[in-house]
Amino acid sequence: MNPRDPKALQTDALATPTDMKSNAVRDIAGALTILLADMFALYIKTKNFHWHMSGPHFRDYHLLLDEQSEQIFATTDDIAERARKIGGTTLRSIGHIGRLQRVLDNDADYVTPLDMLAELRDDNKQLTANLRETHDLCDEHGDVATASMIEVWIDEAERRTWFLFESTREVGETA
């Protein structure tokens, strides 16, 4: 191989050393890549709603969504690097995100503040379920390090869901 030949470099395996079996690397890195696409989609959606928030609770909702978007974005590097640490690959482009994301975009010109919060609540709840599935996959392959990281992300997603739920409750409404 010629190290100066970009085509040769594109086809060489990354060959990250790991003690995990190749099927475990494939399965877990693949699941992490889909989670990463979901995180980027949820981040953009949360920022979209943050930017387009209006109404009497503007400041509270605007700040809540800013805080949540920062937390979501903070997971992205950890997810991608975990896929690489175990010997896998991860996202390569915005198009790649679009092909893998399970979080649906919202391109509407106007969404009411409560509808924004409800949609994000449901997205975070679904993300929690997806994180649990990936955790189960890690357990199947004995990947305690990835499972441990996912446990933190589950807790964060559950907290976001809770805050969004409480923010959408009507005055006097009980659970």
C-alpha atoms as a PDB file:
ATOM      1  CA  MET A   1       0.000   0.000   0.000  1.00  0.00           C
ATOM      2  CA  ASN A   2       1.178   3.489  -0.858  1.00  0.00           C
ATOM      3  CA  PRO A   3       0.548   5.706   2.208  1.00  0.00           C
ATOM      4  CA  ARG A   4       0.175   8.729  -0.066  1.00  0.00           C
ATOM      5  CA  ASP A   5      -2.562   7.148  -2.177  1.00  0.00           C
ATOM      6  CA  PRO A   6      -5.908   8.494  -0.903  1.00  0.00           C
ATOM      7  CA  LYS A   7      -7.855   5.693  -2.603  1.00  0.00           C
ATOM      8  CA  ALA A   8      -5.827   3.068  -0.775  1.00  0.00           C
ATOM      9  CA  LEU A   9      -6.386   4.844   2.510  1.00  0.00           C
ATOM     10  CA  GLN A  10     -10.147   4.897   1.891  1.00  0.00           C
ATOM     11  CA  THR A  11     -10.322   1.126   1.593  1.00  0.00           C
ATOM     12  CA  ASP A  12      -7.956   0.105   4.416  1.00  0.00           C
ATOM     13  CA  ALA A  13      -9.612  -1.123   7.571  1.00  0.00           C
ATOM     14  CA  LEU A  14      -9.208   1.077  10.619  1.00  0.00           C
ATOM     15  CA  ALA A  15      -8.083  -1.993  12.578  1.00  0.00           C
ATOM     16  CA  THR A  16      -8.700  -0.579  16.053  1.00  0.00           C
ATOM     17  CA  PRO A  17      -7.483  -3.173  18.566  1.00  0.00           C
ATOM     18  CA  THR A  18     -10.212  -4.753  20.693  1.00  0.00           C
ATOM     19  CA  ASP A  19     -10.888  -8.010  22.484  1.00  0.00           C
ATOM     20  CA  MET A  20     -14.498  -7.971  21.320  1.00  0.00           C
ATOM     21  CA  LYS A  21     -15.660 -10.424  18.685  1.00  0.00           C
ATOM     22  CA  SER A  22     -16.288  -8.988  15.218  1.00  0.00           C
ATOM     23  CA  ASN A  23     -20.049  -9.579  15.425  1.00  0.00           C
ATOM     24  CA  ALA A  24     -20.179  -7.691  18.750  1.00  0.00           C
ATOM     25  CA  VAL A  25     -18.258  -4.769  17.249  1.00  0.00           C
ATOM     26  CA  ARG A  26     -20.550  -4.751  14.218  1.00  0.00           C
ATOM     27  CA  ASP A  27     -23.753  -4.941  16.261  1.00  0.00           C
ATOM     28  CA  ILE A  28     -22.824  -2.465  18.975  1.00  0.00           C
ATOM     29  CA  ALA A  29     -21.107   0.059  16.700  1.00  0.00           C
ATOM     30  CA  GLY A  30     -24.104  -0.128  14.367  1.00  0.00           C
ATOM     31  CA  ALA A  31     -26.543   0.466  17.218  1.00  0.00           C
ATOM     32  CA  LEU A  32     -24.414   3.341  18.533  1.00  0.00           C
ATOM     33  CA  THR A  33     -24.333   4.920  15.088  1.00  0.00           C
ATOM     34  CA  ILE A  34     -28.131   4.846  14.891  1.00  0.00           C
ATOM     35  CA  LEU A  35     -28.307   6.337  18.405  1.00  0.00           C
ATOM     36  CA  LEU A  36     -25.876   9.027  17.305  1.00  0.00           C
ATOM     37  CA  ALA A  37     -28.094   9.876  14.328  1.00  0.00           C
ATOM     38  CA  ASP A  38     -31.052  10.091  16.721  1.00  0.00           C
ATOM     39  CA  MET A  39     -29.106  12.364  19.068  1.00  0.00           C
ATOM     40  CA  PHE A  40     -28.158  14.738  16.262  1.00  0.00           C
ATOM     41  CA  ALA A  41     -31.751  14.780  14.981  1.00  0.00           C
ATOM     42  CA  LEU A  42     -33.091  15.413  18.494  1.00  0.00           C
ATOM     43  CA  TYR A  43     -30.471  18.108  19.072  1.00  0.00           C
ATOM     44  CA  ILE A  44     -31.454  19.978  15.900  1.00  0.00           C
ATOM     45  CA  LYS A  45     -35.165  19.580  16.639  1.00  0.00           C
ATOM     46  CA  THR A  46     -34.685  20.862  20.189  1.00  0.00           C
ATOM     47  CA  LYS A  47     -32.681  23.841  18.900  1.00  0.00           C
ATOM     48  CA  ASN A  48     -35.339  24.463  16.228  1.00  0.00           C
ATOM     49  CA  PHE A  49     -38.022  24.689  18.894  1.00  0.00           C
ATOM     50  CA  HIS A  50     -35.708  26.754  21.129  1.00  0.00           C
ATOM     51  CA  TRP A  51     -35.181  29.263  18.299  1.00  0.00           C
ATOM     52  CA  HIS A  52     -38.873  29.408  17.381  1.00  0.00           C
ATOM     53  CA  MET A  53     -40.376  29.477  20.869  1.00  0.00           C
ATOM     54  CA  SER A  54     -42.929  32.228  21.568  1.00  0.00           C
ATOM     55  CA  GLY A  55     -45.659  33.107  24.025  1.00  0.00           C
ATOM     56  CA  PRO A  56     -46.067  34.019  27.673  1.00  0.00           C
ATOM     57  CA  HIS A  57     -43.670  31.279  28.910  1.00  0.00           C
ATOM     58  CA  PHE A  58     -41.058  32.145  26.282  1.00  0.00           C
ATOM     59  CA  ARG A  59     -38.147  32.699  28.656  1.00  0.00           C
ATOM     60  CA  ASP A  60     -38.699  29.537  30.723  1.00  0.00           C
ATOM     61  CA  TYR A  61     -39.245  27.292  27.698  1.00  0.00           C
ATOM     62  CA  HIS A  62     -36.433  28.931  25.723  1.00  0.00           C
ATOM     63  CA  LEU A  63     -33.975  28.307  28.566  1.00  0.00           C
ATOM     64  CA  LEU A  64     -35.268  24.778  29.191  1.00  0.00           C
ATOM     65  CA  LEU A  65     -34.751  23.796  25.555  1.00  0.00           C
ATOM     66  CA  ASP A  66     -31.332  25.434  25.459  1.00  0.00           C
ATOM     67  CA  GLU A  67     -30.270  23.414  28.507  1.00  0.00           C
ATOM     68  CA  GLN A  68     -31.680  20.214  27.035  1.00  0.00           C
ATOM     69  CA  SER A  69     -30.068  20.744  23.641  1.00  0.00           C
ATOM     70  CA  GLU A  70     -26.670  21.261  25.289  1.00  0.00           C
ATOM     71  CA  GLN A  71     -27.079  18.010  27.203  1.00  0.00           C
ATOM     72  CA  ILE A  72     -28.073  16.112  24.059  1.00  0.00           C
ATOM     73  CA  PHE A  73     -25.173  17.547  22.042  1.00  0.00           C
ATOM     74  CA  ALA A  74     -22.747  16.642  24.832  1.00  0.00           C
ATOM     75  CA  THR A  75     -23.493  12.937  24.256  1.00  0.00           C
ATOM     76  CA  THR A  76     -22.587  12.950  20.569  1.00  0.00           C
ATOM     77  CA  ASP A  77     -18.812  12.817  20.865  1.00  0.00           C
ATOM     78  CA  ASP A  78     -18.959  10.125  23.545  1.00  0.00           C
ATOM     79  CA  ILE A  79     -21.240   7.961  21.402  1.00  0.00           C
ATOM     80  CA  ALA A  80     -19.089   8.304  18.280  1.00  0.00           C
ATOM     81  CA  GLU A  81     -15.847   7.744  20.154  1.00  0.00           C
ATOM     82  CA  ARG A  82     -17.248   4.672  21.885  1.00  0.00           C
ATOM     83  CA  ALA A  83     -18.088   3.135  18.495  1.00  0.00           C
ATOM     84  CA  ARG A  84     -14.523   3.840  17.380  1.00  0.00           C
ATOM     85  CA  LYS A  85     -12.925   2.578  20.622  1.00  0.00           C
ATOM     86  CA  ILE A  86     -14.460  -0.850  20.150  1.00  0.00           C
ATOM     87  CA  GLY A  87     -13.284  -1.023  16.534  1.00  0.00           C
ATOM     88  CA  GLY A  88     -16.339   0.185  14.631  1.00  0.00           C
ATOM     89  CA  THR A  89     -17.048   3.203  12.512  1.00  0.00           C
ATOM     90  CA  THR A  90     -19.728   5.820  12.841  1.00  0.00           C
ATOM     91  CA  LEU A  91     -21.487   8.692  11.082  1.00  0.00           C
ATOM     92  CA  ARG A  92     -19.782  10.373   8.173  1.00  0.00           C
ATOM     93  CA  SER A  93     -22.231  13.057   7.003  1.00  0.00           C
ATOM     94  CA  ILE A  94     -25.531  14.827   7.452  1.00  0.00           C
ATOM     95  CA  GLY A  95     -26.937  12.564   4.745  1.00  0.00           C
ATOM     96  CA  HIS A  96     -25.870   9.557   6.805  1.00  0.00           C
ATOM     97  CA  ILE A  97     -27.772  11.008   9.787  1.00  0.00           C
ATOM     98  CA  GLY A  98     -30.857  11.478   7.614  1.00  0.00           C
ATOM     99  CA  ARG A  99     -30.774   7.865   6.471  1.00  0.00           C
ATOM    100  CA  LEU A 100     -30.490   6.475  10.014  1.00  0.00           C
ATOM    101  CA  GLN A 101     -32.434   8.810  12.298  1.00  0.00           C
ATOM    102  CA  ARG A 102     -35.609   7.585  13.943  1.00  0.00           C
ATOM    103  CA  VAL A 103     -36.459  10.980  15.452  1.00  0.00           C
ATOM    104  CA  LEU A 104     -38.787  12.675  12.991  1.00  0.00           C
ATOM    105  CA  ASP A 105     -38.016  16.205  11.817  1.00  0.00           C
ATOM    106  CA  ASN A 106     -40.512  19.011  12.270  1.00  0.00           C
ATOM    107  CA  ASP A 107     -40.258  21.591   9.489  1.00  0.00           C
ATOM    108  CA  ALA A 108     -43.594  23.286  10.200  1.00  0.00           C
ATOM    109  CA  ASP A 109     -43.660  27.060   9.901  1.00  0.00           C
ATOM    110  CA  TYR A 110     -45.404  27.350  13.267  1.00  0.00           C
ATOM    111  CA  VAL A 111     -45.799  24.962  16.183  1.00  0.00           C
ATOM    112  CA  THR A 112     -47.467  26.017  19.423  1.00  0.00           C
ATOM    113  CA  PRO A 113     -45.206  26.053  22.470  1.00  0.00           C
ATOM    114  CA  LEU A 114     -47.120  23.221  24.176  1.00  0.00           C
ATOM    115  CA  ASP A 115     -47.034  21.131  20.995  1.00  0.00           C
ATOM    116  CA  MET A 116     -43.269  21.680  20.790  1.00  0.00           C
ATOM    117  CA  LEU A 117     -42.784  20.483  24.343  1.00  0.00           C
ATOM    118  CA  ALA A 118     -45.141  17.518  23.892  1.00  0.00           C
ATOM    119  CA  GLU A 119     -43.361  16.434  20.714  1.00  0.00           C
ATOM    120  CA  LEU A 120     -39.961  16.640  22.386  1.00  0.00           C
ATOM    121  CA  ARG A 121     -41.343  14.781  25.422  1.00  0.00           C
ATOM    122  CA  ASP A 122     -42.458  11.928  23.178  1.00  0.00           C
ATOM    123  CA  ASP A 123     -39.163  11.951  21.259  1.00  0.00           C
ATOM    124  CA  ASN A 124     -37.167  11.724  24.488  1.00  0.00           C
ATOM    125  CA  LYS A 125     -39.420   8.940  25.758  1.00  0.00           C
ATOM    126  CA  GLN A 126     -38.837   6.984  22.537  1.00  0.00           C
ATOM    127  CA  LEU A 127     -35.111   7.691  22.770  1.00  0.00           C
ATOM    128  CA  THR A 128     -35.143   6.146  26.249  1.00  0.00           C
ATOM    129  CA  ALA A 129     -36.700   2.972  24.827  1.00  0.00           C
ATOM    130  CA  ASN A 130     -34.089   2.894  22.042  1.00  0.00           C
ATOM    131  CA  LEU A 131     -31.298   3.356  24.598  1.00  0.00           C
ATOM    132  CA  ARG A 132     -32.663   0.436  26.623  1.00  0.00           C
ATOM    133  CA  GLU A 133     -32.634  -1.782  23.510  1.00  0.00           C
ATOM    134  CA  THR A 134     -29.010  -0.867  22.849  1.00  0.00           C
ATOM    135  CA  HIS A 135     -28.177  -1.530  26.509  1.00  0.00           C
ATOM    136  CA  ASP A 136     -29.685  -5.016  26.150  1.00  0.00           C
ATOM    137  CA  LEU A 137     -27.519  -5.590  23.069  1.00  0.00           C
ATOM    138  CA  CYS A 138     -24.429  -4.544  25.043  1.00  0.00           C
ATOM    139  CA  ASP A 139     -25.406  -6.963  27.800  1.00  0.00           C
ATOM    140  CA  GLU A 140     -25.721  -9.777  25.247  1.00  0.00           C
ATOM    141  CA  HIS A 141     -22.158  -9.120  24.101  1.00  0.00           C
ATOM    142  CA  GLY A 142     -20.693  -8.442  27.554  1.00  0.00           C
ATOM    143  CA  ASP A 143     -19.863  -4.811  26.745  1.00  0.00           C
ATOM    144  CA  VAL A 144     -20.125  -3.346  30.231  1.00  0.00           C
ATOM    145  CA  ALA A 145     -18.358  -0.092  29.327  1.00  0.00           C
ATOM    146  CA  THR A 146     -20.896   0.887  26.650  1.00  0.00           C
ATOM    147  CA  ALA A 147     -23.771  -0.322  28.848  1.00  0.00           C
ATOM    148  CA  SER A 148     -22.521   1.877  31.676  1.00  0.00           C
ATOM    149  CA  MET A 149     -22.407   4.943  29.427  1.00  0.00           C
ATOM    150  CA  ILE A 150     -25.914   4.200  28.152  1.00  0.00           C
ATOM    151  CA  GLU A 151     -27.242   4.059  31.715  1.00  0.00           C
ATOM    152  CA  VAL A 152     -26.247   7.711  32.168  1.00  0.00           C
ATOM    153  CA  TRP A 153     -27.899   8.678  28.860  1.00  0.00           C
ATOM    154  CA  ILE A 154     -31.085   6.854  29.893  1.00  0.00           C
ATOM    155  CA  ASP A 155     -31.190   8.844  33.130  1.00  0.00           C
ATOM    156  CA  GLU A 156     -30.671  12.100  31.215  1.00  0.00           C
ATOM    157  CA  ALA A 157     -33.400  11.260  28.674  1.00  0.00           C
ATOM    158  CA  GLU A 158     -35.799  10.303  31.460  1.00  0.00           C
ATOM    159  CA  ARG A 159     -35.122  13.631  33.192  1.00  0.00           C
ATOM    160  CA  ARG A 160     -35.747  15.549  29.964  1.00  0.00           C
ATOM    161  CA  THR A 161     -38.985  13.597  29.465  1.00  0.00           C
ATOM    162  CA  TRP A 162     -40.065  14.385  33.020  1.00  0.00           C
ATOM    163  CA  PHE A 163     -39.333  18.116  32.704  1.00  0.00           C
ATOM    164  CA  LEU A 164     -41.148  18.307  29.374  1.00  0.00           C
ATOM    165  CA  PHE A 165     -44.106  16.359  30.781  1.00  0.00           C
ATOM    166  CA  GLU A 166     -44.395  18.638  33.807  1.00  0.00           C
ATOM    167  CA  SER A 167     -44.106  21.715  31.570  1.00  0.00           C
ATOM    168  CA  THR A 168     -47.064  20.592  29.427  1.00  0.00           C
ATOM    169  CA  ARG A 169     -49.465  19.828  32.277  1.00  0.00           C
ATOM    170  CA  GLU A 170     -52.475  22.060  32.576  1.00  0.00           C
ATOM    171  CA  VAL A 171     -53.145  23.943  35.811  1.00  0.00           C
ATOM    172  CA  GLY A 172     -55.003  21.625  38.202  1.00  0.00           C
ATOM    173  CA  GLU A 173     -54.326  18.530  36.049  1.00  0.00           C
ATOM    174  CA  THR A 174     -53.241  15.419  37.912  1.00  0.00           C
ATOM    175  CA  ALA A 175     -51.294  12.515  36.507  1.00  0.00           C
END
